[in-house]
Structures are given as C-alpha cells and as structure tokens.
Amino acid sequence: MIVFNRNIDFSTKGEIDFIDLTAKIQETVSNSKVKNGIVHVFAPHATGILVLTENDWNLLEDIKRILEKLIPKQEQYQHPSNAHSHIRSIFLTPDKTLPIINGKMALGTWQSIMFVETDVHPRRRTITIQALGE
C-alpha cells in the first residue's frame, strides 16, 4: 500500500474568500502514484473550512450571503474580534475524503474542492493531503 503526504501553502484575501484547490490536490494524487484508493484533505485551522461545490461566482456569492445571514459579524459574541469566524467554521468541516479511481479523484461533473476563509484578515494557510491506496 502507498501512503503519500503533501502540504500545500496558499494565501487568502480575508473574510469569506474561496480558493479552488482542485487542481493542486489532483496534482498531488497524480504524483502519489496511487491508482485506486482514497485522498484525504485536511485544513488544520480553526477558521478555515473545505467545501465540495461548484466553482461558480454566483453560487459562491450566494454561499457568502447565507453565511453572513446565518452567522452575522455584528452579533454580540463573548469571544473578542472574530467569534463569528469560529462559529461559521464549526458548521462546515475542515476535511474531505474522496475516492481515487484510475489515478484521478472521483469528482462529480461540477464539483471542486474549495477552501473557505472565515477569518477577518488575509491569512497564510496550509492544507494537508494524504493519498492512500494501491
């Protein structure tokens, strides 16, 4: 069995920024030489999440609007400065696991793996990718 690990670093622009990581994750899968197995992607951040969705500007704006509506920045929170960022991130997971079939991630036609920055400032972020299989 092959176990292949890679970290990818990138920067975000600030609150509710979407970064499409699909190509970088597929590149890692290709470099891993795993033909059939799984790829697990993890964002080790308290205010960053991973989503599997269509990379369409209008849809991403809808997601942003809903996050802002459901968990508003201006609410009265006990945690100073960025409580809403932490609360937004607990409703969506920091990881995704996908099948690898014939050396490719098994994504749906319109699916992309997107990192969503929920913190209030631009950040330097990392994701950990682990491909496992034969």
Protein backbone atom coordinates (compact mmCIF):
# COMPACT_ATOMS: atom_id res chain seq x y z
CA MET A 1 0.00 0.00 0.00
CA ILE A 2 1.17 3.53 -0.84
CA VAL A 3 0.84 6.36 1.69
CA PHE A 4 1.77 9.75 0.21
CA ASN A 5 1.66 13.05 2.13
CA ARG A 6 1.99 16.63 0.92
CA ASN A 7 1.28 20.07 2.38
CA ILE A 8 0.19 22.93 0.17
CA ASP A 9 0.52 26.53 1.32
CA PHE A 10 -1.50 29.43 -0.09
CA SER A 11 -2.77 32.88 0.86
CA THR A 12 -6.31 34.13 1.31
CA LYS A 13 -7.69 37.62 0.83
CA GLY A 14 -9.75 37.72 4.03
CA GLU A 15 -13.26 37.02 5.18
CA ILE A 16 -15.23 34.51 3.10
CA ASP A 17 -12.61 34.13 0.41
CA PHE A 18 -12.89 30.99 -1.76
CA ILE A 19 -9.75 29.25 -3.03
CA ASP A 20 -10.15 26.44 -5.58
CA LEU A 21 -7.66 23.72 -4.63
CA THR A 22 -8.91 21.02 -7.00
CA ALA A 23 -6.01 21.14 -9.48
CA LYS A 24 -3.35 21.14 -6.74
CA ILE A 25 -4.98 18.19 -5.00
CA GLN A 26 -5.27 16.25 -8.26
CA GLU A 27 -1.61 17.02 -8.99
CA THR A 28 -0.74 15.53 -5.60
CA VAL A 29 -2.85 12.45 -6.34
CA SER A 30 -1.05 12.04 -9.68
CA ASN A 31 2.37 12.41 -8.02
CA SER A 32 1.42 9.87 -5.35
CA LYS A 33 1.19 7.05 -7.93
CA VAL A 34 -1.97 5.81 -6.15
CA LYS A 35 -4.22 4.33 -8.83
CA ASN A 36 -7.10 3.20 -6.61
CA GLY A 37 -7.69 4.30 -3.03
CA ILE A 38 -8.65 7.49 -1.25
CA VAL A 39 -7.37 11.01 -0.87
CA HIS A 40 -7.97 12.82 2.41
CA VAL A 41 -7.61 16.62 2.51
CA PHE A 42 -7.40 18.41 5.87
CA ALA A 43 -7.23 22.12 6.75
CA PRO A 44 -5.64 22.45 10.22
CA HIS A 45 -7.23 25.82 11.01
CA ALA A 46 -9.88 26.95 13.48
CA THR A 47 -11.26 29.46 10.99
CA GLY A 48 -10.90 27.71 7.66
CA ILE A 49 -13.07 25.07 6.03
CA LEU A 50 -13.21 22.84 2.97
CA VAL A 51 -16.31 22.50 0.83
CA LEU A 52 -17.16 20.41 -2.19
CA THR A 53 -19.21 22.60 -4.51
CA GLU A 54 -19.43 24.14 -7.94
CA ASN A 55 -16.89 26.89 -8.58
CA ASP A 56 -19.42 29.35 -9.95
CA TRP A 57 -19.12 33.02 -8.95
CA ASN A 58 -22.90 33.48 -8.45
CA LEU A 59 -23.14 30.35 -6.29
CA LEU A 60 -20.12 31.38 -4.21
CA GLU A 61 -21.72 34.80 -3.66
CA ASP A 62 -24.92 33.02 -2.53
CA ILE A 63 -22.91 30.90 -0.06
CA LYS A 64 -21.19 34.03 1.25
CA ARG A 65 -24.53 35.81 1.69
CA ILE A 66 -26.04 32.83 3.55
CA LEU A 67 -23.03 32.55 5.90
CA GLU A 68 -23.28 36.27 6.64
CA LYS A 69 -27.03 35.99 7.25
CA LEU A 70 -26.91 32.87 9.44
CA ILE A 71 -23.88 33.95 11.49
CA PRO A 72 -23.56 37.72 11.29
CA LYS A 73 -20.33 39.52 12.06
CA GLN A 74 -22.06 42.25 14.10
CA GLU A 75 -23.75 39.92 16.62
CA GLN A 76 -22.94 40.23 20.33
CA TYR A 77 -20.39 37.46 20.98
CA GLN A 78 -18.31 36.71 24.06
CA HIS A 79 -15.13 35.87 22.13
CA PRO A 80 -13.31 39.04 21.04
CA SER A 81 -12.98 40.15 17.41
CA ASN A 82 -13.66 37.01 15.35
CA ALA A 83 -16.15 34.76 17.15
CA HIS A 84 -18.33 34.70 14.05
CA SER A 85 -15.38 33.27 12.08
CA HIS A 86 -15.01 30.38 14.52
CA ILE A 87 -18.75 29.76 14.64
CA ARG A 88 -19.02 29.70 10.84
CA SER A 89 -16.23 27.12 10.69
CA ILE A 90 -17.91 24.69 13.11
CA PHE A 91 -20.89 24.25 10.79
CA LEU A 92 -18.74 23.13 7.85
CA THR A 93 -15.95 20.56 8.09
CA PRO A 94 -12.20 21.15 7.80
CA ASP A 95 -11.72 17.97 5.76
CA LYS A 96 -12.88 15.97 2.74
CA THR A 97 -12.23 12.38 1.69
CA LEU A 98 -12.68 11.30 -1.92
CA PRO A 99 -12.16 8.07 -3.84
CA ILE A 100 -9.23 7.75 -6.23
CA ILE A 101 -10.16 5.69 -9.29
CA ASN A 102 -7.61 5.06 -12.02
CA GLY A 103 -5.33 7.78 -10.62
CA LYS A 104 -8.00 10.52 -10.57
CA MET A 105 -10.17 11.96 -7.84
CA ALA A 106 -13.75 10.79 -8.35
CA LEU A 107 -15.43 14.19 -8.50
CA GLY A 108 -18.86 14.95 -9.91
CA THR A 109 -19.16 16.94 -13.12
CA TRP A 110 -19.34 20.36 -11.43
CA GLN A 111 -17.57 19.61 -8.16
CA SER A 112 -14.49 21.46 -6.96
CA ILE A 113 -12.71 21.32 -3.61
CA MET A 114 -12.74 24.85 -2.24
CA PHE A 115 -11.06 26.28 0.86
CA VAL A 116 -13.23 28.93 2.51
CA GLU A 117 -11.52 31.54 4.66
CA THR A 118 -13.83 32.51 7.51
CA ASP A 119 -11.38 34.71 9.45
CA VAL A 120 -11.48 38.50 9.25
CA HIS A 121 -7.97 39.06 7.85
CA PRO A 122 -5.92 37.67 4.97
CA ARG A 123 -4.05 34.60 6.13
CA ARG A 124 -1.32 32.22 5.04
CA ARG A 125 -2.97 28.78 5.07
CA THR A 126 -1.93 25.15 4.67
CA ILE A 127 -3.78 22.03 3.69
CA THR A 128 -2.51 18.51 4.28
CA ILE A 129 -3.20 15.97 1.56
CA GLN A 130 -2.82 12.24 2.13
CA ALA A 131 -3.31 9.73 -0.68
CA LEU A 132 -3.64 6.07 0.32
CA GLY A 133 -4.06 3.01 -1.82
CA GLU A 134 -2.58 0.73 -4.43
